[in-house]
Amino acid sequence: MSESQVKQQNTGAYHAQAVASFALALAAVAVGVYQLDASGWVRAFLAVSVLYLTTSAFTLAKVVRDRQETDRIVSRVDQARLEKLLAEHDPFQQKL
């Protein structure tokens, strides 16, 4: 239990690549919807659909991350309990 788990962090380059990729994809879809040969209502519907999809993707990513963090915390608590039991157990102690 004396070991501390090192928290893995992303590099700055990875973060920049993710942000740039997201921005490029969103811009490409926005240009595609704008250039679409359709009425304004159709383009507006597609634009709102893309925004809804984007916010849903962020929400899903947050939910998955939160669940993984919760599982990690529960696992660490269980591991600490097991280590405590093993540390307190003396196989050579005589039973009364």
PDB file of N, CA and C in Angstrom:
ATOM      1  N   MET A   1       0.823  -1.179   0.000  1.00  0.00           N
ATOM      2  CA  MET A   1       0.000   0.000   0.000  1.00  0.00           C
ATOM      3  C   MET A   1       0.871   1.247   0.000  1.00  0.00           C
ATOM      4  N   SER A   2       2.169   1.080   0.197  1.00  0.00           N
ATOM      5  CA  SER A   2       3.055   2.238   0.214  1.00  0.00           C
ATOM      6  C   SER A   2       3.361   2.743  -1.194  1.00  0.00           C
ATOM      7  N   GLU A   3       3.072   1.913  -2.182  1.00  0.00           N
ATOM      8  CA  GLU A   3       3.303   2.341  -3.561  1.00  0.00           C
ATOM      9  C   GLU A   3       2.223   3.326  -3.979  1.00  0.00           C
ATOM     10  N   SER A   4       2.639   4.396  -4.632  1.00  0.00           N
ATOM     11  CA  SER A   4       1.648   5.327  -5.159  1.00  0.00           C
ATOM     12  C   SER A   4       1.585   5.150  -6.665  1.00  0.00           C
ATOM     13  N   GLN A   5       0.388   5.076  -7.170  1.00  0.00           N
ATOM     14  CA  GLN A   5       0.196   4.856  -8.591  1.00  0.00           C
ATOM     15  C   GLN A   5       0.457   6.154  -9.336  1.00  0.00           C
ATOM     16  N   VAL A   6       1.270   6.091 -10.366  1.00  0.00           N
ATOM     17  CA  VAL A   6       1.599   7.269 -11.149  1.00  0.00           C
ATOM     18  C   VAL A   6       0.443   7.539 -12.113  1.00  0.00           C
ATOM     19  N   LYS A   7      -0.046   8.770 -12.087  1.00  0.00           N
ATOM     20  CA  LYS A   7      -1.140   9.144 -12.964  1.00  0.00           C
ATOM     21  C   LYS A   7      -0.580   9.444 -14.350  1.00  0.00           C
ATOM     22  N   GLN A   8      -1.074   8.720 -15.332  1.00  0.00           N
ATOM     23  CA  GLN A   8      -0.612   8.906 -16.702  1.00  0.00           C
ATOM     24  C   GLN A   8      -1.256  10.151 -17.284  1.00  0.00           C
ATOM     25  N   GLN A   9      -0.428  11.017 -17.866  1.00  0.00           N
ATOM     26  CA  GLN A   9      -0.947  12.241 -18.464  1.00  0.00           C
ATOM     27  C   GLN A   9      -0.573  12.276 -19.945  1.00  0.00           C
ATOM     28  N   ASN A  10      -1.417  12.925 -20.715  1.00  0.00           N
ATOM     29  CA  ASN A  10      -1.159  13.061 -22.146  1.00  0.00           C
ATOM     30  C   ASN A  10      -0.126  14.159 -22.383  1.00  0.00           C
ATOM     31  N   THR A  11       0.600  14.021 -23.468  1.00  0.00           N
ATOM     32  CA  THR A  11       1.584  15.040 -23.817  1.00  0.00           C
ATOM     33  C   THR A  11       0.872  16.244 -24.428  1.00  0.00           C
ATOM     34  N   GLY A  12       1.577  17.356 -24.482  1.00  0.00           N
ATOM     35  CA  GLY A  12       1.017  18.555 -25.089  1.00  0.00           C
ATOM     36  C   GLY A  12       0.737  18.366 -26.572  1.00  0.00           C
ATOM     37  N   ALA A  13       1.620  17.611 -27.237  1.00  0.00           N
ATOM     38  CA  ALA A  13       1.435  17.369 -28.673  1.00  0.00           C
ATOM     39  C   ALA A  13       0.176  16.538 -28.931  1.00  0.00           C
ATOM     40  N   TYR A  14      -0.064  15.554 -28.078  1.00  0.00           N
ATOM     41  CA  TYR A  14      -1.258  14.723 -28.241  1.00  0.00           C
ATOM     42  C   TYR A  14      -2.521  15.561 -28.032  1.00  0.00           C
ATOM     43  N   HIS A  15      -2.489  16.414 -27.030  1.00  0.00           N
ATOM     44  CA  HIS A  15      -3.632  17.298 -26.761  1.00  0.00           C
ATOM     45  C   HIS A  15      -3.872  18.235 -27.939  1.00  0.00           C
ATOM     46  N   ALA A  16      -2.795  18.825 -28.458  1.00  0.00           N
ATOM     47  CA  ALA A  16      -2.920  19.737 -29.599  1.00  0.00           C
ATOM     48  C   ALA A  16      -3.463  19.009 -30.828  1.00  0.00           C
ATOM     49  N   GLN A  17      -3.008  17.780 -31.041  1.00  0.00           N
ATOM     50  CA  GLN A  17      -3.480  17.005 -32.186  1.00  0.00           C
ATOM     51  C   GLN A  17      -4.975  16.699 -32.046  1.00  0.00           C
ATOM     52  N   ALA A  18      -5.410  16.367 -30.852  1.00  0.00           N
ATOM     53  CA  ALA A  18      -6.824  16.063 -30.639  1.00  0.00           C
ATOM     54  C   ALA A  18      -7.689  17.297 -30.869  1.00  0.00           C
ATOM     55  N   VAL A  19      -7.246  18.443 -30.358  1.00  0.00           N
ATOM     56  CA  VAL A  19      -7.998  19.689 -30.538  1.00  0.00           C
ATOM     57  C   VAL A  19      -8.040  20.074 -32.016  1.00  0.00           C
ATOM     58  N   ALA A  20      -6.885  19.993 -32.689  1.00  0.00           N
ATOM     59  CA  ALA A  20      -6.824  20.350 -34.114  1.00  0.00           C
ATOM     60  C   ALA A  20      -7.692  19.410 -34.951  1.00  0.00           C
ATOM     61  N   SER A  21      -7.668  18.134 -34.641  1.00  0.00           N
ATOM     62  CA  SER A  21      -8.473  17.160 -35.375  1.00  0.00           C
ATOM     63  C   SER A  21      -9.958  17.444 -35.199  1.00  0.00           C
ATOM     64  N   PHE A  22     -10.361  17.736 -33.974  1.00  0.00           N
ATOM     65  CA  PHE A  22     -11.765  18.059 -33.716  1.00  0.00           C
ATOM     66  C   PHE A  22     -12.175  19.323 -34.463  1.00  0.00           C
ATOM     67  N   ALA A  23     -11.349  20.360 -34.388  1.00  0.00           N
ATOM     68  CA  ALA A  23     -11.665  21.622 -35.053  1.00  0.00           C
ATOM     69  C   ALA A  23     -11.753  21.438 -36.564  1.00  0.00           C
ATOM     70  N   LEU A  24     -10.828  20.676 -37.130  1.00  0.00           N
ATOM     71  CA  LEU A  24     -10.826  20.437 -38.578  1.00  0.00           C
ATOM     72  C   LEU A  24     -12.075  19.662 -38.998  1.00  0.00           C
ATOM     73  N   ALA A  25     -12.433  18.641 -38.248  1.00  0.00           N
ATOM     74  CA  ALA A  25     -13.618  17.844 -38.591  1.00  0.00           C
ATOM     75  C   ALA A  25     -14.887  18.682 -38.496  1.00  0.00           C
ATOM     76  N   LEU A  26     -15.001  19.474 -37.432  1.00  0.00           N
ATOM     77  CA  LEU A  26     -16.182  20.315 -37.271  1.00  0.00           C
ATOM     78  C   LEU A  26     -16.253  21.376 -38.374  1.00  0.00           C
ATOM     79  N   ALA A  27     -15.115  21.957 -38.737  1.00  0.00           N
ATOM     80  CA  ALA A  27     -15.078  22.952 -39.814  1.00  0.00           C
ATOM     81  C   ALA A  27     -15.443  22.321 -41.153  1.00  0.00           C
ATOM     82  N   ALA A  28     -14.946  21.120 -41.410  1.00  0.00           N
ATOM     83  CA  ALA A  28     -15.256  20.437 -42.669  1.00  0.00           C
ATOM     84  C   ALA A  28     -16.750  20.160 -42.785  1.00  0.00           C
ATOM     85  N   VAL A  29     -17.366  19.728 -41.702  1.00  0.00           N
ATOM     86  CA  VAL A  29     -18.807  19.465 -41.732  1.00  0.00           C
ATOM     87  C   VAL A  29     -19.573  20.773 -41.906  1.00  0.00           C
ATOM     88  N   ALA A  30     -19.123  21.821 -41.226  1.00  0.00           N
ATOM     89  CA  ALA A  30     -19.800  23.116 -41.349  1.00  0.00           C
ATOM     90  C   ALA A  30     -19.730  23.635 -42.788  1.00  0.00           C
ATOM     91  N   VAL A  31     -18.580  23.527 -43.415  1.00  0.00           N
ATOM     92  CA  VAL A  31     -18.429  23.959 -44.813  1.00  0.00           C
ATOM     93  C   VAL A  31     -19.291  23.080 -45.718  1.00  0.00           C
ATOM     94  N   GLY A  32     -19.303  21.782 -45.453  1.00  0.00           N
ATOM     95  CA  GLY A  32     -20.127  20.874 -46.254  1.00  0.00           C
ATOM     96  C   GLY A  32     -21.603  21.199 -46.163  1.00  0.00           C
ATOM     97  N   VAL A  33     -22.076  21.492 -44.959  1.00  0.00           N
ATOM     98  CA  VAL A  33     -23.489  21.840 -44.789  1.00  0.00           C
ATOM     99  C   VAL A  33     -23.775  23.180 -45.457  1.00  0.00           C
ATOM    100  N   TYR A  34     -22.862  24.132 -45.328  1.00  0.00           N
ATOM    101  CA  TYR A  34     -23.052  25.453 -45.929  1.00  0.00           C
ATOM    102  C   TYR A  34     -23.091  25.362 -47.458  1.00  0.00           C
ATOM    103  N   GLN A  35     -22.224  24.545 -48.053  1.00  0.00           N
ATOM    104  CA  GLN A  35     -22.140  24.419 -49.507  1.00  0.00           C
ATOM    105  C   GLN A  35     -23.190  23.468 -50.099  1.00  0.00           C
ATOM    106  N   LEU A  36     -23.935  22.807 -49.242  1.00  0.00           N
ATOM    107  CA  LEU A  36     -24.916  21.829 -49.707  1.00  0.00           C
ATOM    108  C   LEU A  36     -25.984  22.509 -50.568  1.00  0.00           C
ATOM    109  N   ASP A  37     -26.293  21.860 -51.659  1.00  0.00           N
ATOM    110  CA  ASP A  37     -27.305  22.398 -52.566  1.00  0.00           C
ATOM    111  C   ASP A  37     -28.688  21.956 -52.077  1.00  0.00           C
ATOM    112  N   ALA A  38     -29.153  22.642 -51.049  1.00  0.00           N
ATOM    113  CA  ALA A  38     -30.452  22.309 -50.464  1.00  0.00           C
ATOM    114  C   ALA A  38     -31.042  23.594 -49.884  1.00  0.00           C
ATOM    115  N   SER A  39     -32.280  23.491 -49.467  1.00  0.00           N
ATOM    116  CA  SER A  39     -32.944  24.669 -48.909  1.00  0.00           C
ATOM    117  C   SER A  39     -32.354  25.010 -47.544  1.00  0.00           C
ATOM    118  N   GLY A  40     -32.671  26.194 -47.087  1.00  0.00           N
ATOM    119  CA  GLY A  40     -32.164  26.654 -45.792  1.00  0.00           C
ATOM    120  C   GLY A  40     -32.610  25.781 -44.635  1.00  0.00           C
ATOM    121  N   TRP A  41     -33.844  25.264 -44.717  1.00  0.00           N
ATOM    122  CA  TRP A  41     -34.349  24.414 -43.650  1.00  0.00           C
ATOM    123  C   TRP A  41     -33.552  23.122 -43.549  1.00  0.00           C
ATOM    124  N   VAL A  42     -33.209  22.556 -44.677  1.00  0.00           N
ATOM    125  CA  VAL A  42     -32.429  21.309 -44.673  1.00  0.00           C
ATOM    126  C   VAL A  42     -31.043  21.566 -44.103  1.00  0.00           C
ATOM    127  N   ARG A  43     -30.418  22.654 -44.525  1.00  0.00           N
ATOM    128  CA  ARG A  43     -29.086  22.983 -43.999  1.00  0.00           C
ATOM    129  C   ARG A  43     -29.147  23.287 -42.513  1.00  0.00           C
ATOM    130  N   ALA A  44     -30.177  23.986 -42.076  1.00  0.00           N
ATOM    131  CA  ALA A  44     -30.324  24.287 -40.651  1.00  0.00           C
ATOM    132  C   ALA A  44     -30.524  23.001 -39.845  1.00  0.00           C
ATOM    133  N   PHE A  45     -31.332  22.092 -40.368  1.00  0.00           N
ATOM    134  CA  PHE A  45     -31.547  20.817 -39.688  1.00  0.00           C
ATOM    135  C   PHE A  45     -30.236  20.046 -39.564  1.00  0.00           C
ATOM    136  N   LEU A  46     -29.466  19.989 -40.635  1.00  0.00           N
ATOM    137  CA  LEU A  46     -28.184  19.281 -40.601  1.00  0.00           C
ATOM    138  C   LEU A  46     -27.201  19.946 -39.633  1.00  0.00           C
ATOM    139  N   ALA A  47     -27.199  21.266 -39.603  1.00  0.00           N
ATOM    140  CA  ALA A  47     -26.295  21.980 -38.691  1.00  0.00           C
ATOM    141  C   ALA A  47     -26.660  21.691 -37.235  1.00  0.00           C
ATOM    142  N   VAL A  48     -27.941  21.725 -36.926  1.00  0.00           N
ATOM    143  CA  VAL A  48     -28.378  21.427 -35.560  1.00  0.00           C
ATOM    144  C   VAL A  48     -28.087  19.963 -35.214  1.00  0.00           C
ATOM    145  N   SER A  49     -28.252  19.078 -36.185  1.00  0.00           N
ATOM    146  CA  SER A  49     -27.955  17.663 -35.957  1.00  0.00           C
ATOM    147  C   SER A  49     -26.475  17.451 -35.650  1.00  0.00           C
ATOM    148  N   VAL A  50     -25.605  18.153 -36.356  1.00  0.00           N
ATOM    149  CA  VAL A  50     -24.163  18.045 -36.106  1.00  0.00           C
ATOM    150  C   VAL A  50     -23.831  18.576 -34.717  1.00  0.00           C
ATOM    151  N   LEU A  51     -24.418  19.681 -34.329  1.00  0.00           N
ATOM    152  CA  LEU A  51     -24.170  20.224 -32.996  1.00  0.00           C
ATOM    153  C   LEU A  51     -24.662  19.263 -31.912  1.00  0.00           C
ATOM    154  N   TYR A  52     -25.818  18.665 -32.122  1.00  0.00           N
ATOM    155  CA  TYR A  52     -26.351  17.694 -31.162  1.00  0.00           C
ATOM    156  C   TYR A  52     -25.447  16.469 -31.064  1.00  0.00           C
ATOM    157  N   LEU A  53     -24.990  15.988 -32.210  1.00  0.00           N
ATOM    158  CA  LEU A  53     -24.076  14.849 -32.227  1.00  0.00           C
ATOM    159  C   LEU A  53     -22.781  15.174 -31.493  1.00  0.00           C
ATOM    160  N   THR A  54     -22.276  16.385 -31.684  1.00  0.00           N
ATOM    161  CA  THR A  54     -21.036  16.804 -31.025  1.00  0.00           C
ATOM    162  C   THR A  54     -21.208  16.851 -29.513  1.00  0.00           C
ATOM    163  N   THR A  55     -22.287  17.457 -29.046  1.00  0.00           N
ATOM    164  CA  THR A  55     -22.495  17.523 -27.592  1.00  0.00           C
ATOM    165  C   THR A  55     -22.749  16.135 -27.011  1.00  0.00           C
ATOM    166  N   SER A  56     -23.420  15.278 -27.750  1.00  0.00           N
ATOM    167  CA  SER A  56     -23.642  13.907 -27.283  1.00  0.00           C
ATOM    168  C   SER A  56     -22.329  13.140 -27.179  1.00  0.00           C
ATOM    169  N   ALA A  57     -21.430  13.368 -28.120  1.00  0.00           N
ATOM    170  CA  ALA A  57     -20.127  12.701 -28.075  1.00  0.00           C
ATOM    171  C   ALA A  57     -19.328  13.150 -26.853  1.00  0.00           C
ATOM    172  N   PHE A  58     -19.366  14.449 -26.541  1.00  0.00           N
ATOM    173  CA  PHE A  58     -18.678  14.945 -25.341  1.00  0.00           C
ATOM    174  C   PHE A  58     -19.290  14.336 -24.078  1.00  0.00           C
ATOM    175  N   THR A  59     -20.600  14.259 -24.030  1.00  0.00           N
ATOM    176  CA  THR A  59     -21.269  13.685 -22.861  1.00  0.00           C
ATOM    177  C   THR A  59     -20.906  12.211 -22.698  1.00  0.00           C
ATOM    178  N   LEU A  60     -20.916  11.461 -23.785  1.00  0.00           N
ATOM    179  CA  LEU A  60     -20.552  10.048 -23.725  1.00  0.00           C
ATOM    180  C   LEU A  60     -19.114   9.871 -23.259  1.00  0.00           C
ATOM    181  N   ALA A  61     -18.206  10.687 -23.770  1.00  0.00           N
ATOM    182  CA  ALA A  61     -16.809  10.590 -23.351  1.00  0.00           C
ATOM    183  C   ALA A  61     -16.663  10.867 -21.859  1.00  0.00           C
ATOM    184  N   LYS A  62     -17.410  11.837 -21.352  1.00  0.00           N
ATOM    185  CA  LYS A  62     -17.349  12.164 -19.920  1.00  0.00           C
ATOM    186  C   LYS A  62     -17.910  11.022 -19.084  1.00  0.00           C
ATOM    187  N   VAL A  63     -19.001  10.423 -19.509  1.00  0.00           N
ATOM    188  CA  VAL A  63     -19.608   9.318 -18.766  1.00  0.00           C
ATOM    189  C   VAL A  63     -18.659   8.120 -18.723  1.00  0.00           C
ATOM    190  N   VAL A  64     -18.040   7.800 -19.848  1.00  0.00           N
ATOM    191  CA  VAL A  64     -17.089   6.683 -19.889  1.00  0.00           C
ATOM    192  C   VAL A  64     -15.905   6.969 -18.977  1.00  0.00           C
ATOM    193  N   ARG A  65     -15.373   8.189 -19.023  1.00  0.00           N
ATOM    194  CA  ARG A  65     -14.246   8.553 -18.166  1.00  0.00           C
ATOM    195  C   ARG A  65     -14.616   8.465 -16.695  1.00  0.00           C
ATOM    196  N   ASP A  66     -15.791   8.976 -16.335  1.00  0.00           N
ATOM    197  CA  ASP A  66     -16.230   8.929 -14.940  1.00  0.00           C
ATOM    198  C   ASP A  66     -16.388   7.491 -14.457  1.00  0.00           C
ATOM    199  N   ARG A  67     -16.933   6.629 -15.300  1.00  0.00           N
ATOM    200  CA  ARG A  67     -17.103   5.223 -14.914  1.00  0.00           C
ATOM    201  C   ARG A  67     -15.754   4.549 -14.717  1.00  0.00           C
ATOM    202  N   GLN A  68     -14.799   4.825 -15.587  1.00  0.00           N
ATOM    203  CA  GLN A  68     -13.469   4.235 -15.433  1.00  0.00           C
ATOM    204  C   GLN A  68     -12.797   4.727 -14.153  1.00  0.00           C
ATOM    205  N   GLU A  69     -12.945   6.007 -13.837  1.00  0.00           N
ATOM    206  CA  GLU A  69     -12.364   6.537 -12.608  1.00  0.00           C
ATOM    207  C   GLU A  69     -13.001   5.905 -11.383  1.00  0.00           C
ATOM    208  N   THR A  70     -14.317   5.713 -11.411  1.00  0.00           N
ATOM    209  CA  THR A  70     -15.009   5.073 -10.295  1.00  0.00           C
ATOM    210  C   THR A  70     -14.536   3.637 -10.125  1.00  0.00           C
ATOM    211  N   ASP A  71     -14.417   2.905 -11.223  1.00  0.00           N
ATOM    212  CA  ASP A  71     -13.935   1.526 -11.149  1.00  0.00           C
ATOM    213  C   ASP A  71     -12.513   1.469 -10.597  1.00  0.00           C
ATOM    214  N   ARG A  72     -11.689   2.425 -10.984  1.00  0.00           N
ATOM    215  CA  ARG A  72     -10.302   2.461 -10.508  1.00  0.00           C
ATOM    216  C   ARG A  72     -10.258   2.727  -9.003  1.00  0.00           C
ATOM    217  N   ILE A  73     -11.117   3.631  -8.520  1.00  0.00           N
ATOM    218  CA  ILE A  73     -11.151   3.946  -7.094  1.00  0.00           C
ATOM    219  C   ILE A  73     -11.627   2.731  -6.298  1.00  0.00           C
ATOM    220  N   VAL A  74     -12.682   2.065  -6.762  1.00  0.00           N
ATOM    221  CA  VAL A  74     -13.189   0.878  -6.081  1.00  0.00           C
ATOM    222  C   VAL A  74     -12.128  -0.204  -6.059  1.00  0.00           C
ATOM    223  N   SER A  75     -11.436  -0.372  -7.157  1.00  0.00           N
ATOM    224  CA  SER A  75     -10.379  -1.370  -7.229  1.00  0.00           C
ATOM    225  C   SER A  75      -9.255  -1.059  -6.248  1.00  0.00           C
ATOM    226  N   ARG A  76      -8.896   0.203  -6.111  1.00  0.00           N
ATOM    227  CA  ARG A  76      -7.835   0.583  -5.179  1.00  0.00           C
ATOM    228  C   ARG A  76      -8.269   0.374  -3.737  1.00  0.00           C
ATOM    229  N   VAL A  77      -9.536   0.642  -3.422  1.00  0.00           N
ATOM    230  CA  VAL A  77     -10.041   0.423  -2.068  1.00  0.00           C
ATOM    231  C   VAL A  77     -10.031  -1.071  -1.751  1.00  0.00           C
ATOM    232  N   ASP A  78     -10.493  -1.884  -2.705  1.00  0.00           N
ATOM    233  CA  ASP A  78     -10.466  -3.340  -2.501  1.00  0.00           C
ATOM    234  C   ASP A  78      -9.042  -3.842  -2.322  1.00  0.00           C
ATOM    235  N   GLN A  79      -8.116  -3.326  -3.098  1.00  0.00           N
ATOM    236  CA  GLN A  79      -6.714  -3.721  -2.985  1.00  0.00           C
ATOM    237  C   GLN A  79      -6.152  -3.333  -1.619  1.00  0.00           C
ATOM    238  N   ALA A  80      -6.497  -2.158  -1.119  1.00  0.00           N
ATOM    239  CA  ALA A  80      -6.025  -1.720   0.200  1.00  0.00           C
ATOM    240  C   ALA A  80      -6.590  -2.613   1.301  1.00  0.00           C
ATOM    241  N   ARG A  81      -7.862  -3.004   1.187  1.00  0.00           N
ATOM    242  CA  ARG A  81      -8.449  -3.910   2.176  1.00  0.00           C
ATOM    243  C   ARG A  81      -7.749  -5.262   2.170  1.00  0.00           C
ATOM    244  N   LEU A  82      -7.474  -5.781   1.001  1.00  0.00           N
ATOM    245  CA  LEU A  82      -6.777  -7.059   0.885  1.00  0.00           C
ATOM    246  C   LEU A  82      -5.381  -6.973   1.484  1.00  0.00           C
ATOM    247  N   GLU A  83      -4.656  -5.895   1.191  1.00  0.00           N
ATOM    248  CA  GLU A  83      -3.323  -5.727   1.746  1.00  0.00           C
ATOM    249  C   GLU A  83      -3.361  -5.627   3.263  1.00  0.00           C
ATOM    250  N   LYS A  84      -4.384  -4.965   3.808  1.00  0.00           N
ATOM    251  CA  LYS A  84      -4.517  -4.859   5.256  1.00  0.00           C
ATOM    252  C   LYS A  84      -4.768  -6.224   5.873  1.00  0.00           C
ATOM    253  N   LEU A  85      -5.666  -7.006   5.267  1.00  0.00           N
ATOM    254  CA  LEU A  85      -5.938  -8.351   5.777  1.00  0.00           C
ATOM    255  C   LEU A  85      -4.694  -9.225   5.726  1.00  0.00           C
ATOM    256  N   LEU A  86      -3.956  -9.155   4.636  1.00  0.00           N
ATOM    257  CA  LEU A  86      -2.740  -9.957   4.515  1.00  0.00           C
ATOM    258  C   LEU A  86      -1.676  -9.511   5.515  1.00  0.00           C
ATOM    259  N   ALA A  87      -1.590  -8.226   5.773  1.00  0.00           N
ATOM    260  CA  ALA A  87      -0.599  -7.722   6.725  1.00  0.00           C
ATOM    261  C   ALA A  87      -0.948  -8.129   8.147  1.00  0.00           C
ATOM    262  N   GLU A  88      -2.239  -8.201   8.461  1.00  0.00           N
ATOM    263  CA  GLU A  88      -2.660  -8.569   9.814  1.00  0.00           C
ATOM    264  C   GLU A  88      -2.683 -10.073  10.039  1.00  0.00           C
ATOM    265  N   HIS A  89      -2.670 -10.847   8.978  1.00  0.00           N
ATOM    266  CA  HIS A  89      -2.759 -12.306   9.107  1.00  0.00           C
ATOM    267  C   HIS A  89      -1.398 -12.883   9.499  1.00  0.00           C
ATOM    268  N   ASP A  90      -1.406 -13.668  10.551  1.00  0.00           N
ATOM    269  CA  ASP A  90      -0.191 -14.348  10.995  1.00  0.00           C
ATOM    270  C   ASP A  90      -0.448 -15.848  10.931  1.00  0.00           C
ATOM    271  N   PRO A  91       0.118 -16.546   9.955  1.00  0.00           N
ATOM    272  CA  PRO A  91      -0.173 -17.966   9.810  1.00  0.00           C
ATOM    273  C   PRO A  91       0.371 -18.811  10.959  1.00  0.00           C
ATOM    274  N   PHE A  92       1.311 -18.286  11.743  1.00  0.00           N
ATOM    275  CA  PHE A  92       1.913 -19.057  12.830  1.00  0.00           C
ATOM    276  C   PHE A  92       1.251 -18.780  14.172  1.00  0.00           C
ATOM    277  N   GLN A  93       0.262 -17.923  14.188  1.00  0.00           N
ATOM    278  CA  GLN A  93      -0.447 -17.621  15.434  1.00  0.00           C
ATOM    279  C   GLN A  93      -1.308 -18.816  15.820  1.00  0.00           C
ATOM    280  N   GLN A  94      -1.210 -19.201  17.105  1.00  0.00           N
ATOM    281  CA  GLN A  94      -1.989 -20.333  17.565  1.00  0.00           C
ATOM    282  C   GLN A  94      -3.429 -19.905  17.799  1.00  0.00           C
ATOM    283  N   LYS A  95      -4.325 -20.758  17.368  1.00  0.00           N
ATOM    284  CA  LYS A  95      -5.752 -20.471  17.532  1.00  0.00           C
ATOM    285  C   LYS A  95      -6.190 -20.869  18.913  1.00  0.00           C
ATOM    286  N   LEU A  96      -6.983 -20.047  19.520  1.00  0.00           N
ATOM    287  CA  LEU A  96      -7.473 -20.328  20.872  1.00  0.00           C
ATOM    288  C   LEU A  96      -8.772 -21.036  20.865  1.00  0.00           C
TER     289      LEU A  96
END
